[in-house]
Amino acid sequence: MPAQVIVGRGRRSVKIQLSERFEQAIDRAAMASGAAGTDAYLAEWRKAPSVEVEGSDEEAAQAKAAEIEAEYDRDRLKALISNNGWA
């Protein structure tokens, strides 16, 4: 389940936090899976593979964040929560 979009590398990377509904869905999925404590919670976090993007890092990050926000409607997030965060 996505939490943020990162474009670029290192200190110059652009990070866009997704809306609060993603954070809430991630928390609910973690609780449903029985993840207790920070280590268990973060153990399942993964970065998606890097891809080439067009335009500036800021433009690419904003565009991808908007795409994810549109793709993950309430029903999709509910389905992920019920499956402990996995697709």
N, C-alpha and C. Protein backbone atom coordinates (compact mmCIF):
# COMPACT_ATOMS: atom_id res chain seq x y z
N MET A 1 0.86 -1.16 0.00
CA MET A 1 0.00 0.00 0.00
C MET A 1 0.91 1.23 0.00
N PRO A 2 0.71 2.14 -0.92
CA PRO A 2 1.61 3.29 -1.00
C PRO A 2 1.41 4.28 0.15
N ALA A 3 2.51 4.93 0.53
CA ALA A 3 2.45 5.95 1.57
C ALA A 3 2.95 7.30 1.06
N GLN A 4 3.90 7.25 0.12
CA GLN A 4 4.46 8.47 -0.42
C GLN A 4 5.07 8.20 -1.78
N VAL A 5 5.39 9.29 -2.48
CA VAL A 5 6.07 9.21 -3.77
C VAL A 5 7.42 9.89 -3.60
N ILE A 6 8.48 9.20 -4.02
CA ILE A 6 9.83 9.76 -3.95
C ILE A 6 10.39 9.76 -5.36
N VAL A 7 10.83 10.93 -5.81
CA VAL A 7 11.45 11.05 -7.13
C VAL A 7 12.82 11.68 -6.93
N GLY A 8 13.84 11.07 -7.51
CA GLY A 8 15.20 11.55 -7.36
C GLY A 8 15.92 10.75 -6.28
N ARG A 9 17.16 11.17 -6.02
CA ARG A 9 17.97 10.45 -5.05
C ARG A 9 18.59 11.41 -4.05
N GLY A 10 18.83 10.88 -2.88
CA GLY A 10 19.56 11.63 -1.86
C GLY A 10 18.83 12.86 -1.36
N ARG A 11 19.61 13.85 -0.99
CA ARG A 11 19.05 15.06 -0.39
C ARG A 11 18.21 15.87 -1.36
N ARG A 12 18.43 15.69 -2.63
CA ARG A 12 17.69 16.46 -3.63
C ARG A 12 16.40 15.79 -4.07
N SER A 13 16.11 14.64 -3.50
CA SER A 13 14.89 13.94 -3.91
C SER A 13 13.65 14.74 -3.50
N VAL A 14 12.60 14.55 -4.28
CA VAL A 14 11.31 15.19 -3.99
C VAL A 14 10.42 14.12 -3.37
N LYS A 15 9.86 14.42 -2.21
CA LYS A 15 8.98 13.47 -1.52
C LYS A 15 7.60 14.09 -1.37
N ILE A 16 6.60 13.35 -1.82
CA ILE A 16 5.21 13.78 -1.70
C ILE A 16 4.49 12.77 -0.82
N GLN A 17 4.04 13.21 0.32
CA GLN A 17 3.26 12.35 1.22
C GLN A 17 1.85 12.23 0.65
N LEU A 18 1.34 11.02 0.57
CA LEU A 18 -0.04 10.83 0.12
C LEU A 18 -1.00 11.28 1.21
N SER A 19 -2.26 11.42 0.87
CA SER A 19 -3.25 11.95 1.81
C SER A 19 -3.39 11.06 3.05
N GLU A 20 -4.00 11.63 4.06
CA GLU A 20 -4.14 10.95 5.35
C GLU A 20 -4.88 9.62 5.25
N ARG A 21 -5.75 9.48 4.26
CA ARG A 21 -6.50 8.22 4.14
C ARG A 21 -5.56 7.04 3.90
N PHE A 22 -4.41 7.27 3.27
CA PHE A 22 -3.43 6.20 3.07
C PHE A 22 -2.78 5.84 4.40
N GLU A 23 -2.41 6.84 5.18
CA GLU A 23 -1.82 6.59 6.50
C GLU A 23 -2.79 5.81 7.38
N GLN A 24 -4.05 6.20 7.36
CA GLN A 24 -5.06 5.51 8.16
C GLN A 24 -5.24 4.07 7.68
N ALA A 25 -5.24 3.86 6.37
CA ALA A 25 -5.39 2.51 5.82
C ALA A 25 -4.19 1.64 6.19
N ILE A 26 -3.00 2.21 6.13
CA ILE A 26 -1.79 1.47 6.50
C ILE A 26 -1.86 1.08 7.97
N ASP A 27 -2.25 2.00 8.82
CA ASP A 27 -2.37 1.71 10.26
C ASP A 27 -3.41 0.60 10.51
N ARG A 28 -4.54 0.68 9.84
CA ARG A 28 -5.58 -0.33 10.03
C ARG A 28 -5.11 -1.70 9.54
N ALA A 29 -4.40 -1.73 8.41
CA ALA A 29 -3.88 -3.00 7.90
C ALA A 29 -2.84 -3.59 8.86
N ALA A 30 -2.00 -2.73 9.42
CA ALA A 30 -0.99 -3.20 10.38
C ALA A 30 -1.65 -3.80 11.61
N MET A 31 -2.68 -3.13 12.11
CA MET A 31 -3.39 -3.66 13.28
C MET A 31 -4.07 -4.99 12.94
N ALA A 32 -4.67 -5.06 11.76
CA ALA A 32 -5.36 -6.29 11.35
C ALA A 32 -4.39 -7.45 11.21
N SER A 33 -3.14 -7.15 10.81
CA SER A 33 -2.15 -8.21 10.63
C SER A 33 -1.50 -8.62 11.93
N GLY A 34 -1.75 -7.85 12.99
CA GLY A 34 -1.16 -8.17 14.29
C GLY A 34 0.22 -7.56 14.49
N ALA A 35 0.63 -6.66 13.60
CA ALA A 35 1.93 -6.01 13.75
C ALA A 35 1.92 -5.18 15.03
N ALA A 36 2.81 -5.52 15.94
CA ALA A 36 2.88 -4.81 17.22
C ALA A 36 4.25 -4.15 17.34
N GLY A 37 4.26 -2.88 17.57
CA GLY A 37 5.51 -2.16 17.72
C GLY A 37 6.06 -1.65 16.40
N THR A 38 6.97 -0.71 16.51
CA THR A 38 7.52 -0.04 15.33
C THR A 38 8.26 -1.00 14.42
N ASP A 39 9.06 -1.91 14.98
CA ASP A 39 9.84 -2.82 14.15
C ASP A 39 8.94 -3.70 13.29
N ALA A 40 7.92 -4.27 13.87
CA ALA A 40 7.00 -5.12 13.12
C ALA A 40 6.24 -4.31 12.08
N TYR A 41 5.90 -3.09 12.45
CA TYR A 41 5.16 -2.20 11.56
C TYR A 41 5.99 -1.84 10.32
N LEU A 42 7.24 -1.49 10.55
CA LEU A 42 8.10 -1.06 9.44
C LEU A 42 8.73 -2.21 8.67
N ALA A 43 8.70 -3.41 9.21
CA ALA A 43 9.34 -4.55 8.56
C ALA A 43 8.76 -4.85 7.19
N GLU A 44 7.51 -4.52 6.98
CA GLU A 44 6.85 -4.81 5.71
C GLU A 44 6.92 -3.67 4.69
N TRP A 45 7.51 -2.55 5.06
CA TRP A 45 7.61 -1.42 4.13
C TRP A 45 8.61 -1.74 3.03
N ARG A 46 8.26 -1.41 1.81
CA ARG A 46 9.12 -1.65 0.65
C ARG A 46 9.09 -0.43 -0.25
N LYS A 47 10.19 -0.23 -0.98
CA LYS A 47 10.22 0.79 -2.02
C LYS A 47 9.92 0.12 -3.34
N ALA A 48 9.14 0.79 -4.15
CA ALA A 48 8.85 0.27 -5.49
C ALA A 48 10.12 0.42 -6.34
N PRO A 49 10.27 -0.41 -7.36
CA PRO A 49 11.44 -0.29 -8.23
C PRO A 49 11.49 1.10 -8.89
N SER A 50 12.69 1.58 -9.12
CA SER A 50 12.87 2.88 -9.78
C SER A 50 12.45 2.81 -11.24
N VAL A 51 11.93 3.91 -11.72
CA VAL A 51 11.56 4.03 -13.13
C VAL A 51 12.02 5.40 -13.64
N GLU A 52 12.22 5.50 -14.95
CA GLU A 52 12.57 6.77 -15.57
C GLU A 52 11.32 7.63 -15.66
N VAL A 53 11.47 8.94 -15.46
CA VAL A 53 10.33 9.85 -15.53
C VAL A 53 10.66 11.01 -16.47
N GLU A 54 9.61 11.61 -17.00
CA GLU A 54 9.74 12.78 -17.86
C GLU A 54 9.54 14.04 -17.03
N GLY A 55 10.17 15.13 -17.41
CA GLY A 55 9.97 16.40 -16.73
C GLY A 55 10.82 16.51 -15.47
N SER A 56 10.55 17.57 -14.72
CA SER A 56 11.30 17.79 -13.49
C SER A 56 10.88 16.77 -12.42
N ASP A 57 11.74 16.59 -11.44
CA ASP A 57 11.41 15.67 -10.34
C ASP A 57 10.13 16.11 -9.63
N GLU A 58 9.98 17.41 -9.42
CA GLU A 58 8.78 17.93 -8.74
C GLU A 58 7.52 17.62 -9.55
N GLU A 59 7.58 17.88 -10.86
CA GLU A 59 6.42 17.60 -11.72
C GLU A 59 6.09 16.12 -11.74
N ALA A 60 7.12 15.29 -11.84
CA ALA A 60 6.91 13.84 -11.89
C ALA A 60 6.31 13.33 -10.58
N ALA A 61 6.82 13.83 -9.46
CA ALA A 61 6.31 13.41 -8.15
C ALA A 61 4.85 13.83 -7.97
N GLN A 62 4.53 15.05 -8.32
CA GLN A 62 3.15 15.54 -8.20
C GLN A 62 2.21 14.73 -9.09
N ALA A 63 2.65 14.44 -10.32
CA ALA A 63 1.81 13.68 -11.25
C ALA A 63 1.57 12.26 -10.74
N LYS A 64 2.62 11.61 -10.24
CA LYS A 64 2.46 10.24 -9.74
C LYS A 64 1.59 10.21 -8.49
N ALA A 65 1.77 11.17 -7.61
CA ALA A 65 0.93 11.23 -6.40
C ALA A 65 -0.53 11.40 -6.78
N ALA A 66 -0.82 12.26 -7.75
CA ALA A 66 -2.20 12.46 -8.20
C ALA A 66 -2.76 11.19 -8.82
N GLU A 67 -1.93 10.48 -9.57
CA GLU A 67 -2.35 9.21 -10.19
C GLU A 67 -2.70 8.18 -9.12
N ILE A 68 -1.86 8.05 -8.11
CA ILE A 68 -2.11 7.09 -7.03
C ILE A 68 -3.37 7.46 -6.26
N GLU A 69 -3.52 8.74 -5.96
CA GLU A 69 -4.72 9.20 -5.24
C GLU A 69 -5.99 8.81 -6.01
N ALA A 70 -5.94 8.93 -7.34
CA ALA A 70 -7.11 8.60 -8.16
C ALA A 70 -7.33 7.09 -8.26
N GLU A 71 -6.24 6.32 -8.36
CA GLU A 71 -6.34 4.87 -8.53
C GLU A 71 -6.82 4.14 -7.27
N TYR A 72 -6.48 4.67 -6.12
CA TYR A 72 -6.81 4.00 -4.86
C TYR A 72 -8.06 4.64 -4.24
N ASP A 73 -9.21 4.19 -4.71
CA ASP A 73 -10.45 4.69 -4.14
C ASP A 73 -10.73 3.98 -2.81
N ARG A 74 -11.81 4.36 -2.18
CA ARG A 74 -12.16 3.81 -0.86
C ARG A 74 -12.26 2.28 -0.88
N ASP A 75 -12.90 1.74 -1.91
CA ASP A 75 -13.07 0.28 -1.99
C ASP A 75 -11.74 -0.44 -2.14
N ARG A 76 -10.84 0.12 -2.92
CA ARG A 76 -9.53 -0.52 -3.10
C ARG A 76 -8.75 -0.50 -1.79
N LEU A 77 -8.79 0.61 -1.07
CA LEU A 77 -8.10 0.66 0.22
C LEU A 77 -8.72 -0.31 1.22
N LYS A 78 -10.05 -0.41 1.23
CA LYS A 78 -10.72 -1.36 2.13
C LYS A 78 -10.30 -2.79 1.82
N ALA A 79 -10.18 -3.12 0.53
CA ALA A 79 -9.76 -4.47 0.14
C ALA A 79 -8.33 -4.74 0.62
N LEU A 80 -7.46 -3.75 0.50
CA LEU A 80 -6.09 -3.92 0.97
C LEU A 80 -6.04 -4.09 2.49
N ILE A 81 -6.83 -3.31 3.19
CA ILE A 81 -6.88 -3.42 4.66
C ILE A 81 -7.31 -4.83 5.06
N SER A 82 -8.34 -5.34 4.41
CA SER A 82 -8.85 -6.67 4.77
C SER A 82 -7.87 -7.79 4.42
N ASN A 83 -6.89 -7.48 3.56
CA ASN A 83 -5.88 -8.46 3.19
C ASN A 83 -4.53 -8.11 3.83
N ASN A 84 -4.58 -7.44 4.98
CA ASN A 84 -3.38 -7.06 5.74
C ASN A 84 -2.41 -6.20 4.94
N GLY A 85 -2.94 -5.41 3.99
CA GLY A 85 -2.12 -4.49 3.23
C GLY A 85 -1.59 -5.03 1.92
N TRP A 86 -1.84 -6.28 1.63
CA TRP A 86 -1.32 -6.90 0.41
C TRP A 86 -2.37 -6.93 -0.68
N ALA A 87 -1.92 -6.77 -1.91
CA ALA A 87 -2.83 -6.79 -3.07
C ALA A 87 -3.27 -8.20 -3.38
